[in-house]
């Protein structure tokens, strides 16, 4: 993660019990990209972030894409 320079987005459900959300938080903190974003989706389990909160997910994704091209 320390060598990554490309834009990167982390999305994780806060209630994920297969891959703990703390993993994405640690990766986000270790990443040295100038354009990075972390979205933790409240109430979402494993691979359920978009299904549970599509508006929040899409809003964060669009913001990330816009910031990536600026």
Protein backbone atom coordinates (compact mmCIF):
# COMPACT_ATOMS: atom_id res chain seq x y z
CA UNK A 1 0.00 0.00 0.00
CA UNK A 2 2.88 2.36 0.68
CA UNK A 3 3.86 2.35 -3.01
CA UNK A 4 0.41 2.85 -4.54
CA UNK A 5 0.06 6.14 -6.39
CA UNK A 6 -3.13 5.40 -8.35
CA UNK A 7 -6.58 6.53 -7.14
CA UNK A 8 -8.14 3.88 -4.92
CA UNK A 9 -11.47 3.49 -3.17
CA UNK A 10 -12.24 1.17 -0.29
CA UNK A 11 -15.86 0.22 0.42
CA UNK A 12 -16.71 -2.02 3.33
CA UNK A 13 -19.80 -3.01 5.26
CA UNK A 14 -19.48 -2.26 8.96
CA UNK A 15 -21.23 -5.53 9.85
CA UNK A 16 -19.03 -7.73 7.63
CA UNK A 17 -18.06 -10.84 9.59
CA UNK A 18 -16.08 -12.59 6.81
CA UNK A 19 -13.58 -9.79 6.18
CA UNK A 20 -13.51 -7.41 9.09
CA UNK A 21 -13.98 -3.70 8.32
CA UNK A 22 -10.80 -2.92 10.24
CA UNK A 23 -8.88 -4.47 7.33
CA UNK A 24 -10.10 -1.76 4.96
CA UNK A 25 -9.40 0.94 7.53
CA UNK A 26 -5.82 -0.31 7.92
CA UNK A 27 -5.32 -0.48 4.14
CA UNK A 28 -6.74 3.03 3.74
CA UNK A 29 -4.39 4.44 6.37
CA UNK A 30 -1.38 2.67 4.86
CA UNK A 31 -2.15 3.83 1.31
CA UNK A 32 -0.06 6.74 0.04
CA UNK A 33 -2.23 7.66 -2.93
CA UNK A 34 -3.16 11.33 -3.15
CA UNK A 35 -6.66 10.30 -4.22
CA UNK A 36 -8.19 7.76 -1.89
CA UNK A 37 -11.55 7.30 -0.27
CA UNK A 38 -12.99 5.02 2.39
CA UNK A 39 -16.70 4.29 2.68
CA UNK A 40 -17.88 2.24 5.64
CA UNK A 41 -21.52 1.32 5.16
CA UNK A 42 -23.47 1.10 8.38
CA UNK A 43 -25.45 -2.11 8.79
CA UNK A 44 -23.99 -3.80 5.71
CA UNK A 45 -22.59 -7.30 5.84
CA UNK A 46 -20.21 -8.98 3.41
CA UNK A 47 -20.78 -7.80 -0.19
CA UNK A 48 -24.02 -6.04 0.80
CA UNK A 49 -23.03 -2.37 0.85
CA UNK A 50 -24.65 -1.47 -2.47
CA UNK A 51 -27.78 -3.52 -1.84
CA UNK A 52 -28.34 -1.94 1.56
CA UNK A 53 -27.47 1.67 0.75
CA UNK A 54 -27.32 2.23 -3.03
CA UNK A 55 -27.67 6.03 -2.83
CA UNK A 56 -24.81 6.41 -0.34
CA UNK A 57 -22.66 3.99 -2.37
CA UNK A 58 -23.33 5.75 -5.70
CA UNK A 59 -22.78 9.21 -4.20
CA UNK A 60 -19.40 8.17 -2.77
CA UNK A 61 -18.39 6.48 -6.02
CA UNK A 62 -19.26 9.51 -8.16
CA UNK A 63 -17.37 11.78 -5.76
CA UNK A 64 -14.36 9.47 -5.98
CA UNK A 65 -14.41 9.42 -9.79
CA UNK A 66 -14.70 13.22 -9.99
CA UNK A 67 -11.80 13.65 -7.54
CA UNK A 68 -9.76 11.11 -9.53
CA UNK A 69 -9.88 13.16 -12.72
CA UNK A 70 -9.21 16.59 -11.20
